[in-house]
Amino acid sequence: MKTYFVTRHPATKAWAKDRQMKIDHWLEHISDLTLFNPGDVVYGTLPIQMAAQLCKQGVRYGHFTLIVPPHLRGLEFSAEQLQSCQPKIEFFEVMKVG
């Protein structure tokens, strides 16, 4: 089992490191879903169809959740701004219907 965190944001990476999350691989983007195996864990903020495919493959998906107020949308966050958005990891099981 490997653990991946998908983010291109330095403040998010620092947040995870501050919490001493065990991350085997840091990725800025995912271009090949066959990289992941059943039992792997992927953290990030992925498109729903990608999260569904990972779950179908037996990968656990931990969504990096933020509550972003309108005045901060579209900005690259500082560590302080990120913390103000109540960051957390929430696990989801996502599946495509139909």
PDB file of N, CA and C in Angstrom:
ATOM      1  N   MET A   1       0.826  -1.178   0.000  1.00  0.00           N
ATOM      2  CA  MET A   1       0.000   0.000   0.000  1.00  0.00           C
ATOM      3  C   MET A   1       0.875   1.248   0.000  1.00  0.00           C
ATOM      4  N   LYS A   2       0.535   2.188  -0.874  1.00  0.00           N
ATOM      5  CA  LYS A   2       1.249   3.463  -0.934  1.00  0.00           C
ATOM      6  C   LYS A   2       0.259   4.596  -0.693  1.00  0.00           C
ATOM      7  N   THR A   3       0.777   5.698  -0.201  1.00  0.00           N
ATOM      8  CA  THR A   3      -0.042   6.866   0.068  1.00  0.00           C
ATOM      9  C   THR A   3       0.448   8.017  -0.795  1.00  0.00           C
ATOM     10  N   TYR A   4      -0.499   8.644  -1.480  1.00  0.00           N
ATOM     11  CA  TYR A   4      -0.201   9.741  -2.397  1.00  0.00           C
ATOM     12  C   TYR A   4      -0.964  10.987  -1.953  1.00  0.00           C
ATOM     13  N   PHE A   5      -0.351  12.143  -2.138  1.00  0.00           N
ATOM     14  CA  PHE A   5      -1.070  13.411  -1.960  1.00  0.00           C
ATOM     15  C   PHE A   5      -0.927  14.172  -3.266  1.00  0.00           C
ATOM     16  N   VAL A   6      -2.077  14.521  -3.861  1.00  0.00           N
ATOM     17  CA  VAL A   6      -2.083  15.217  -5.136  1.00  0.00           C
ATOM     18  C   VAL A   6      -2.386  16.692  -4.868  1.00  0.00           C
ATOM     19  N   THR A   7      -1.370  17.537  -5.032  1.00  0.00           N
ATOM     20  CA  THR A   7      -1.548  18.969  -4.875  1.00  0.00           C
ATOM     21  C   THR A   7      -0.405  19.695  -5.558  1.00  0.00           C
ATOM     22  N   ARG A   8      -0.699  20.862  -6.062  1.00  0.00           N
ATOM     23  CA  ARG A   8       0.349  21.710  -6.618  1.00  0.00           C
ATOM     24  C   ARG A   8       0.575  22.935  -5.731  1.00  0.00           C
ATOM     25  N   HIS A   9      -0.108  22.961  -4.589  1.00  0.00           N
ATOM     26  CA  HIS A   9      -0.089  24.128  -3.719  1.00  0.00           C
ATOM     27  C   HIS A   9       0.869  23.953  -2.534  1.00  0.00           C
ATOM     28  N   PRO A  10       1.857  24.814  -2.414  1.00  0.00           N
ATOM     29  CA  PRO A  10       2.822  24.709  -1.307  1.00  0.00           C
ATOM     30  C   PRO A  10       2.178  24.766   0.081  1.00  0.00           C
ATOM     31  N   ALA A  11       1.153  25.590   0.266  1.00  0.00           N
ATOM     32  CA  ALA A  11       0.522  25.693   1.585  1.00  0.00           C
ATOM     33  C   ALA A  11      -0.175  24.389   1.974  1.00  0.00           C
ATOM     34  N   THR A  12      -0.750  23.702   0.994  1.00  0.00           N
ATOM     35  CA  THR A  12      -1.404  22.417   1.267  1.00  0.00           C
ATOM     36  C   THR A  12      -0.367  21.370   1.650  1.00  0.00           C
ATOM     37  N   LYS A  13       0.729  21.352   0.929  1.00  0.00           N
ATOM     38  CA  LYS A  13       1.812  20.419   1.245  1.00  0.00           C
ATOM     39  C   LYS A  13       2.356  20.684   2.648  1.00  0.00           C
ATOM     40  N   ALA A  14       2.539  21.935   2.990  1.00  0.00           N
ATOM     41  CA  ALA A  14       3.030  22.296   4.330  1.00  0.00           C
ATOM     42  C   ALA A  14       2.016  21.879   5.396  1.00  0.00           C
ATOM     43  N   TRP A  15       0.733  22.046   5.110  1.00  0.00           N
ATOM     44  CA  TRP A  15      -0.321  21.649   6.053  1.00  0.00           C
ATOM     45  C   TRP A  15      -0.214  20.156   6.362  1.00  0.00           C
ATOM     46  N   ALA A  16      -0.081  19.338   5.323  1.00  0.00           N
ATOM     47  CA  ALA A  16       0.012  17.886   5.509  1.00  0.00           C
ATOM     48  C   ALA A  16       1.276  17.518   6.279  1.00  0.00           C
ATOM     49  N   LYS A  17       2.385  18.166   5.959  1.00  0.00           N
ATOM     50  CA  LYS A  17       3.640  17.887   6.660  1.00  0.00           C
ATOM     51  C   LYS A  17       3.558  18.299   8.125  1.00  0.00           C
ATOM     52  N   ASP A  18       2.891  19.414   8.408  1.00  0.00           N
ATOM     53  CA  ASP A  18       2.722  19.863   9.796  1.00  0.00           C
ATOM     54  C   ASP A  18       1.934  18.860  10.618  1.00  0.00           C
ATOM     55  N   ARG A  19       1.056  18.116   9.968  1.00  0.00           N
ATOM     56  CA  ARG A  19       0.264  17.095  10.650  1.00  0.00           C
ATOM     57  C   ARG A  19       0.946  15.735  10.641  1.00  0.00           C
ATOM     58  N   GLN A  20       2.162  15.703  10.136  1.00  0.00           N
ATOM     59  CA  GLN A  20       2.972  14.489  10.080  1.00  0.00           C
ATOM     60  C   GLN A  20       2.248  13.342   9.365  1.00  0.00           C
ATOM     61  N   MET A  21       1.543  13.709   8.293  1.00  0.00           N
ATOM     62  CA  MET A  21       0.890  12.684   7.476  1.00  0.00           C
ATOM     63  C   MET A  21       1.968  11.873   6.768  1.00  0.00           C
ATOM     64  N   LYS A  22       1.802  10.571   6.763  1.00  0.00           N
ATOM     65  CA  LYS A  22       2.754   9.698   6.072  1.00  0.00           C
ATOM     66  C   LYS A  22       2.384   9.676   4.591  1.00  0.00           C
ATOM     67  N   ILE A  23       3.191  10.340   3.791  1.00  0.00           N
ATOM     68  CA  ILE A  23       2.959  10.419   2.357  1.00  0.00           C
ATOM     69  C   ILE A  23       4.154   9.792   1.649  1.00  0.00           C
ATOM     70  N   ASP A  24       3.887   8.786   0.821  1.00  0.00           N
ATOM     71  CA  ASP A  24       4.964   8.139   0.067  1.00  0.00           C
ATOM     72  C   ASP A  24       5.329   8.922  -1.184  1.00  0.00           C
ATOM     73  N   HIS A  25       4.311   9.500  -1.830  1.00  0.00           N
ATOM     74  CA  HIS A  25       4.553  10.200  -3.090  1.00  0.00           C
ATOM     75  C   HIS A  25       3.710  11.468  -3.153  1.00  0.00           C
ATOM     76  N   TRP A  26       4.355  12.569  -3.513  1.00  0.00           N
ATOM     77  CA  TRP A  26       3.675  13.838  -3.758  1.00  0.00           C
ATOM     78  C   TRP A  26       3.531  14.002  -5.267  1.00  0.00           C
ATOM     79  N   LEU A  27       2.314  14.268  -5.721  1.00  0.00           N
ATOM     80  CA  LEU A  27       2.051  14.453  -7.143  1.00  0.00           C
ATOM     81  C   LEU A  27       1.373  15.804  -7.356  1.00  0.00           C
ATOM     82  N   GLU A  28       1.739  16.480  -8.433  1.00  0.00           N
ATOM     83  CA  GLU A  28       1.051  17.727  -8.764  1.00  0.00           C
ATOM     84  C   GLU A  28      -0.216  17.460  -9.556  1.00  0.00           C
ATOM     85  N   HIS A  29      -0.215  16.403 -10.341  1.00  0.00           N
ATOM     86  CA  HIS A  29      -1.359  16.037 -11.176  1.00  0.00           C
ATOM     87  C   HIS A  29      -1.364  14.524 -11.333  1.00  0.00           C
ATOM     88  N   ILE A  30      -2.500  13.994 -11.711  1.00  0.00           N
ATOM     89  CA  ILE A  30      -2.609  12.572 -12.052  1.00  0.00           C
ATOM     90  C   ILE A  30      -2.932  12.487 -13.535  1.00  0.00           C
ATOM     91  N   SER A  31      -2.081  11.798 -14.259  1.00  0.00           N
ATOM     92  CA  SER A  31      -2.358  11.597 -15.681  1.00  0.00           C
ATOM     93  C   SER A  31      -2.608  10.128 -16.015  1.00  0.00           C
ATOM     94  N   ASP A  32      -2.263   9.226 -15.102  1.00  0.00           N
ATOM     95  CA  ASP A  32      -2.405   7.799 -15.366  1.00  0.00           C
ATOM     96  C   ASP A  32      -2.954   7.101 -14.128  1.00  0.00           C
ATOM     97  N   LEU A  33      -4.225   6.727 -14.161  1.00  0.00           N
ATOM     98  CA  LEU A  33      -4.858   6.097 -13.005  1.00  0.00           C
ATOM     99  C   LEU A  33      -4.371   4.672 -12.766  1.00  0.00           C
ATOM    100  N   THR A  34      -3.679   4.073 -13.753  1.00  0.00           N
ATOM    101  CA  THR A  34      -3.166   2.712 -13.558  1.00  0.00           C
ATOM    102  C   THR A  34      -1.967   2.697 -12.610  1.00  0.00           C
ATOM    103  N   LEU A  35      -1.491   3.873 -12.217  1.00  0.00           N
ATOM    104  CA  LEU A  35      -0.397   3.987 -11.243  1.00  0.00           C
ATOM    105  C   LEU A  35      -0.823   3.451  -9.874  1.00  0.00           C
ATOM    106  N   PHE A  36      -2.125   3.474  -9.596  1.00  0.00           N
ATOM    107  CA  PHE A  36      -2.639   3.169  -8.260  1.00  0.00           C
ATOM    108  C   PHE A  36      -3.156   1.748  -8.174  1.00  0.00           C
ATOM    109  N   ASN A  37      -2.957   1.141  -7.003  1.00  0.00           N
ATOM    110  CA  ASN A  37      -3.341  -0.243  -6.768  1.00  0.00           C
ATOM    111  C   ASN A  37      -4.351  -0.337  -5.640  1.00  0.00           C
ATOM    112  N   PRO A  38      -5.118  -1.435  -5.595  1.00  0.00           N
ATOM    113  CA  PRO A  38      -6.046  -1.632  -4.478  1.00  0.00           C
ATOM    114  C   PRO A  38      -5.311  -1.499  -3.146  1.00  0.00           C
ATOM    115  N   GLY A  39      -5.926  -0.776  -2.215  1.00  0.00           N
ATOM    116  CA  GLY A  39      -5.315  -0.555  -0.909  1.00  0.00           C
ATOM    117  C   GLY A  39      -4.525   0.731  -0.812  1.00  0.00           C
ATOM    118  N   ASP A  40      -4.151   1.319  -1.957  1.00  0.00           N
ATOM    119  CA  ASP A  40      -3.476   2.611  -1.927  1.00  0.00           C
ATOM    120  C   ASP A  40      -4.432   3.671  -1.393  1.00  0.00           C
ATOM    121  N   VAL A  41      -3.861   4.766  -0.909  1.00  0.00           N
ATOM    122  CA  VAL A  41      -4.642   5.905  -0.440  1.00  0.00           C
ATOM    123  C   VAL A  41      -4.211   7.125  -1.241  1.00  0.00           C
ATOM    124  N   VAL A  42      -5.193   7.861  -1.751  1.00  0.00           N
ATOM    125  CA  VAL A  42      -4.926   9.083  -2.496  1.00  0.00           C
ATOM    126  C   VAL A  42      -5.649  10.233  -1.791  1.00  0.00           C
ATOM    127  N   TYR A  43      -4.885  11.253  -1.407  1.00  0.00           N
ATOM    128  CA  TYR A  43      -5.449  12.474  -0.848  1.00  0.00           C
ATOM    129  C   TYR A  43      -5.384  13.554  -1.917  1.00  0.00           C
ATOM    130  N   GLY A  44      -6.361  14.439  -1.922  1.00  0.00           N
ATOM    131  CA  GLY A  44      -6.328  15.555  -2.847  1.00  0.00           C
ATOM    132  C   GLY A  44      -7.709  16.119  -3.071  1.00  0.00           C
ATOM    133  N   THR A  45      -7.822  16.947  -4.079  1.00  0.00           N
ATOM    134  CA  THR A  45      -9.100  17.526  -4.492  1.00  0.00           C
ATOM    135  C   THR A  45      -9.259  17.173  -5.961  1.00  0.00           C
ATOM    136  N   LEU A  46      -9.773  15.978  -6.189  1.00  0.00           N
ATOM    137  CA  LEU A  46      -9.823  15.428  -7.540  1.00  0.00           C
ATOM    138  C   LEU A  46     -11.182  15.636  -8.183  1.00  0.00           C
ATOM    139  N   PRO A  47     -11.217  15.658  -9.513  1.00  0.00           N
ATOM    140  CA  PRO A  47     -12.508  15.657 -10.214  1.00  0.00           C
ATOM    141  C   PRO A  47     -13.296  14.403  -9.830  1.00  0.00           C
ATOM    142  N   ILE A  48     -14.603  14.543  -9.741  1.00  0.00           N
ATOM    143  CA  ILE A  48     -15.457  13.460  -9.268  1.00  0.00           C
ATOM    144  C   ILE A  48     -15.295  12.180 -10.097  1.00  0.00           C
ATOM    145  N   GLN A  49     -15.146  12.296 -11.411  1.00  0.00           N
ATOM    146  CA  GLN A  49     -15.018  11.102 -12.243  1.00  0.00           C
ATOM    147  C   GLN A  49     -13.695  10.375 -11.964  1.00  0.00           C
ATOM    148  N   MET A  50     -12.669  11.125 -11.610  1.00  0.00           N
ATOM    149  CA  MET A  50     -11.386  10.511 -11.275  1.00  0.00           C
ATOM    150  C   MET A  50     -11.466   9.822  -9.904  1.00  0.00           C
ATOM    151  N   ALA A  51     -12.114  10.468  -8.958  1.00  0.00           N
ATOM    152  CA  ALA A  51     -12.304   9.855  -7.642  1.00  0.00           C
ATOM    153  C   ALA A  51     -13.121   8.568  -7.773  1.00  0.00           C
ATOM    154  N   ALA A  52     -14.149   8.579  -8.623  1.00  0.00           N
ATOM    155  CA  ALA A  52     -14.967   7.387  -8.827  1.00  0.00           C
ATOM    156  C   ALA A  52     -14.148   6.242  -9.405  1.00  0.00           C
ATOM    157  N   GLN A  53     -13.291   6.531 -10.369  1.00  0.00           N
ATOM    158  CA  GLN A  53     -12.468   5.492 -10.984  1.00  0.00           C
ATOM    159  C   GLN A  53     -11.478   4.923  -9.964  1.00  0.00           C
ATOM    160  N   LEU A  54     -10.886   5.781  -9.155  1.00  0.00           N
ATOM    161  CA  LEU A  54      -9.966   5.293  -8.126  1.00  0.00           C
ATOM    162  C   LEU A  54     -10.682   4.379  -7.141  1.00  0.00           C
ATOM    163  N   CYS A  55     -11.866   4.788  -6.693  1.00  0.00           N
ATOM    164  CA  CYS A  55     -12.632   3.952  -5.774  1.00  0.00           C
ATOM    165  C   CYS A  55     -12.977   2.609  -6.409  1.00  0.00           C
ATOM    166  N   LYS A  56     -13.328   2.629  -7.686  1.00  0.00           N
ATOM    167  CA  LYS A  56     -13.633   1.393  -8.416  1.00  0.00           C
ATOM    168  C   LYS A  56     -12.421   0.461  -8.438  1.00  0.00           C
ATOM    169  N   GLN A  57     -11.232   1.040  -8.456  1.00  0.00           N
ATOM    170  CA  GLN A  57      -9.985   0.262  -8.472  1.00  0.00           C
ATOM    171  C   GLN A  57      -9.582  -0.221  -7.074  1.00  0.00           C
ATOM    172  N   GLY A  58     -10.360   0.133  -6.043  1.00  0.00           N
ATOM    173  CA  GLY A  58     -10.029  -0.296  -4.692  1.00  0.00           C
ATOM    174  C   GLY A  58      -9.104   0.646  -3.952  1.00  0.00           C
ATOM    175  N   VAL A  59      -8.983   1.868  -4.443  1.00  0.00           N
ATOM    176  CA  VAL A  59      -8.148   2.893  -3.815  1.00  0.00           C
ATOM    177  C   VAL A  59      -9.021   3.679  -2.848  1.00  0.00           C
ATOM    178  N   ARG A  60      -8.496   4.011  -1.675  1.00  0.00           N
ATOM    179  CA  ARG A  60      -9.216   4.874  -0.724  1.00  0.00           C
ATOM    180  C   ARG A  60      -8.948   6.320  -1.117  1.00  0.00           C
ATOM    181  N   TYR A  61     -10.030   7.115  -1.160  1.00  0.00           N
ATOM    182  CA  TYR A  61      -9.908   8.516  -1.555  1.00  0.00           C
ATOM    183  C   TYR A  61     -10.212   9.440  -0.378  1.00  0.00           C
ATOM    184  N   GLY A  62      -9.210  10.202   0.044  1.00  0.00           N
ATOM    185  CA  GLY A  62      -9.364  11.203   1.089  1.00  0.00           C
ATOM    186  C   GLY A  62      -9.385  12.582   0.458  1.00  0.00           C
ATOM    187  N   HIS A  63     -10.542  13.216   0.488  1.00  0.00           N
ATOM    188  CA  HIS A  63     -10.712  14.520  -0.158  1.00  0.00           C
ATOM    189  C   HIS A  63     -10.203  15.627   0.759  1.00  0.00           C
ATOM    190  N   PHE A  64      -9.344  16.479   0.221  1.00  0.00           N
ATOM    191  CA  PHE A  64      -8.845  17.635   0.964  1.00  0.00           C
ATOM    192  C   PHE A  64      -9.919  18.716   0.880  1.00  0.00           C
ATOM    193  N   THR A  65     -10.617  18.912   1.984  1.00  0.00           N
ATOM    194  CA  THR A  65     -11.787  19.773   2.033  1.00  0.00           C
ATOM    195  C   THR A  65     -11.445  21.125   2.644  1.00  0.00           C
ATOM    196  N   LEU A  66     -11.936  22.166   2.023  1.00  0.00           N
ATOM    197  CA  LEU A  66     -11.801  23.531   2.537  1.00  0.00           C
ATOM    198  C   LEU A  66     -13.160  24.212   2.469  1.00  0.00           C
ATOM    199  N   ILE A  67     -13.369  25.152   3.357  1.00  0.00           N
ATOM    200  CA  ILE A  67     -14.517  26.055   3.273  1.00  0.00           C
ATOM    201  C   ILE A  67     -13.936  27.404   2.869  1.00  0.00           C
ATOM    202  N   VAL A  68     -14.078  27.732   1.593  1.00  0.00           N
ATOM    203  CA  VAL A  68     -13.422  28.912   1.028  1.00  0.00           C
ATOM    204  C   VAL A  68     -14.440  30.045   0.884  1.00  0.00           C
ATOM    205  N   PRO A  69     -14.234  31.144   1.615  1.00  0.00           N
ATOM    206  CA  PRO A  69     -15.139  32.283   1.448  1.00  0.00           C
ATOM    207  C   PRO A  69     -14.931  32.942   0.085  1.00  0.00           C
ATOM    208  N   PRO A  70     -15.953  33.618  -0.411  1.00  0.00           N
ATOM    209  CA  PRO A  70     -15.865  34.216  -1.754  1.00  0.00           C
ATOM    210  C   PRO A  70     -14.633  35.096  -1.979  1.00  0.00           C
ATOM    211  N   HIS A  71     -14.224  35.856  -0.983  1.00  0.00           N
ATOM    212  CA  HIS A  71     -13.098  36.778  -1.194  1.00  0.00           C
ATOM    213  C   HIS A  71     -11.751  36.069  -1.335  1.00  0.00           C
ATOM    214  N   LEU A  72     -11.679  34.770  -1.021  1.00  0.00           N
ATOM    215  CA  LEU A  72     -10.427  34.024  -1.166  1.00  0.00           C
ATOM    216  C   LEU A  72     -10.421  33.103  -2.389  1.00  0.00           C
ATOM    217  N   ARG A  73     -11.527  32.981  -3.073  1.00  0.00           N
ATOM    218  CA  ARG A  73     -11.598  32.064  -4.218  1.00  0.00           C
ATOM    219  C   ARG A  73     -10.662  32.519  -5.329  1.00  0.00           C
ATOM    220  N   GLY A  74      -9.958  31.550  -5.889  1.00  0.00           N
ATOM    221  CA  GLY A  74      -9.062  31.825  -7.010  1.00  0.00           C
ATOM    222  C   GLY A  74      -7.678  32.301  -6.611  1.00  0.00           C
ATOM    223  N   LEU A  75      -7.410  32.374  -5.307  1.00  0.00           N
ATOM    224  CA  LEU A  75      -6.098  32.836  -4.840  1.00  0.00           C
ATOM    225  C   LEU A  75      -5.200  31.660  -4.493  1.00  0.00           C
ATOM    226  N   GLU A  76      -3.891  31.889  -4.551  1.00  0.00           N
ATOM    227  CA  GLU A  76      -2.920  30.936  -4.010  1.00  0.00           C
ATOM    228  C   GLU A  76      -2.803  31.278  -2.525  1.00  0.00           C
ATOM    229  N   PHE A  77      -3.178  30.341  -1.656  1.00  0.00           N
ATOM    230  CA  PHE A  77      -3.248  30.622  -0.227  1.00  0.00           C
ATOM    231  C   PHE A  77      -1.893  30.630   0.455  1.00  0.00           C
ATOM    232  N   SER A  78      -1.753  31.519   1.411  1.00  0.00           N
ATOM    233  CA  SER A  78      -0.662  31.432   2.376  1.00  0.00           C
ATOM    234  C   SER A  78      -1.064  30.373   3.402  1.00  0.00           C
ATOM    235  N   ALA A  79      -0.144  29.992   4.249  1.00  0.00           N
ATOM    236  CA  ALA A  79      -0.464  29.017   5.294  1.00  0.00           C
ATOM    237  C   ALA A  79      -1.585  29.535   6.193  1.00  0.00           C
ATOM    238  N   GLU A  80      -1.558  30.821   6.510  1.00  0.00           N
ATOM    239  CA  GLU A  80      -2.574  31.408   7.376  1.00  0.00           C
ATOM    240  C   GLU A  80      -3.950  31.412   6.697  1.00  0.00           C
ATOM    241  N   GLN A  81      -3.986  31.767   5.422  1.00  0.00           N
ATOM    242  CA  GLN A  81      -5.249  31.755   4.690  1.00  0.00           C
ATOM    243  C   GLN A  81      -5.812  30.343   4.598  1.00  0.00           C
ATOM    244  N   LEU A  82      -4.938  29.377   4.324  1.00  0.00           N
ATOM    245  CA  LEU A  82      -5.378  27.989   4.243  1.00  0.00           C
ATOM    246  C   LEU A  82      -5.994  27.558   5.568  1.00  0.00           C
ATOM    247  N   GLN A  83      -5.320  27.860   6.665  1.00  0.00           N
ATOM    248  CA  GLN A  83      -5.806  27.467   7.984  1.00  0.00           C
ATOM    249  C   GLN A  83      -7.163  28.100   8.281  1.00  0.00           C
ATOM    250  N   SER A  84      -7.396  29.308   7.796  1.00  0.00           N
ATOM    251  CA  SER A  84      -8.680  29.980   8.033  1.00  0.00           C
ATOM    252  C   SER A  84      -9.831  29.306   7.291  1.00  0.00           C
ATOM    253  N   CYS A  85      -9.516  28.447   6.336  1.00  0.00           N
ATOM    254  CA  CYS A  85     -10.538  27.741   5.549  1.00  0.00           C
ATOM    255  C   CYS A  85     -10.877  26.368   6.120  1.00  0.00           C
ATOM    256  N   GLN A  86     -10.464  26.112   7.354  1.00  0.00           N
ATOM    257  CA  GLN A  86     -10.803  24.875   8.072  1.00  0.00           C
ATOM    258  C   GLN A  86     -10.440  23.610   7.295  1.00  0.00           C
ATOM    259  N   PRO A  87      -9.174  23.467   6.904  1.00  0.00           N
ATOM    260  CA  PRO A  87      -8.780  22.298   6.105  1.00  0.00           C
ATOM    261  C   PRO A  87      -8.920  20.990   6.877  1.00  0.00           C
ATOM    262  N   LYS A  88      -9.320  19.965   6.141  1.00  0.00           N
ATOM    263  CA  LYS A  88      -9.393  18.622   6.719  1.00  0.00           C
ATOM    264  C   LYS A  88      -9.442  17.610   5.591  1.00  0.00           C
ATOM    265  N   ILE A  89      -9.188  16.377   5.947  1.00  0.00           N
ATOM    266  CA  ILE A  89      -9.310  15.260   5.020  1.00  0.00           C
ATOM    267  C   ILE A  89     -10.586  14.502   5.376  1.00  0.00           C
ATOM    268  N   GLU A  90     -11.428  14.297   4.367  1.00  0.00           N
ATOM    269  CA  GLU A  90     -12.647  13.525   4.545  1.00  0.00           C
ATOM    270  C   GLU A  90     -12.639  12.389   3.526  1.00  0.00           C
ATOM    271  N   PHE A  91     -12.911  11.183   3.986  1.00  0.00           N
ATOM    272  CA  PHE A  91     -12.898  10.028   3.086  1.00  0.00           C
ATOM    273  C   PHE A  91     -14.269   9.839   2.444  1.00  0.00           C
ATOM    274  N   PHE A  92     -14.214   9.551   1.131  1.00  0.00           N
ATOM    275  CA  PHE A  92     -15.430   9.346   0.356  1.00  0.00           C
ATOM    276  C   PHE A  92     -15.304   8.066  -0.461  1.00  0.00           C
ATOM    277  N   GLU A  93     -16.437   7.414  -0.654  1.00  0.00           N
ATOM    278  CA  GLU A  93     -16.558   6.328  -1.608  1.00  0.00           C
ATOM    279  C   GLU A  93     -17.436   6.884  -2.728  1.00  0.00           C
ATOM    280  N   VAL A  94     -16.859   6.967  -3.906  1.00  0.00           N
ATOM    281  CA  VAL A  94     -17.557   7.578  -5.027  1.00  0.00           C
ATOM    282  C   VAL A  94     -17.758   6.518  -6.107  1.00  0.00           C
ATOM    283  N   MET A  95     -18.949   6.503  -6.696  1.00  0.00           N
ATOM    284  CA  MET A  95     -19.183   5.567  -7.785  1.00  0.00           C
ATOM    285  C   MET A  95     -20.009   6.210  -8.875  1.00  0.00           C
ATOM    286  N   LYS A  96     -19.739   5.792 -10.083  1.00  0.00           N
ATOM    287  CA  LYS A  96     -20.495   6.255 -11.238  1.00  0.00           C
ATOM    288  C   LYS A  96     -21.765   5.421 -11.342  1.00  0.00           C
ATOM    289  N   VAL A  97     -22.856   6.070 -11.586  1.00  0.00           N
ATOM    290  CA  VAL A  97     -24.142   5.391 -11.731  1.00  0.00           C
ATOM    291  C   VAL A  97     -24.546   5.474 -13.197  1.00  0.00           C
ATOM    292  N   GLY A  98     -24.845   4.333 -13.772  1.00  0.00           N
ATOM    293  CA  GLY A  98     -25.302   4.329 -15.158  1.00  0.00           C
ATOM    294  C   GLY A  98     -24.224   4.200 -16.176  1.00  0.00           C
TER     295      GLY A  98
END
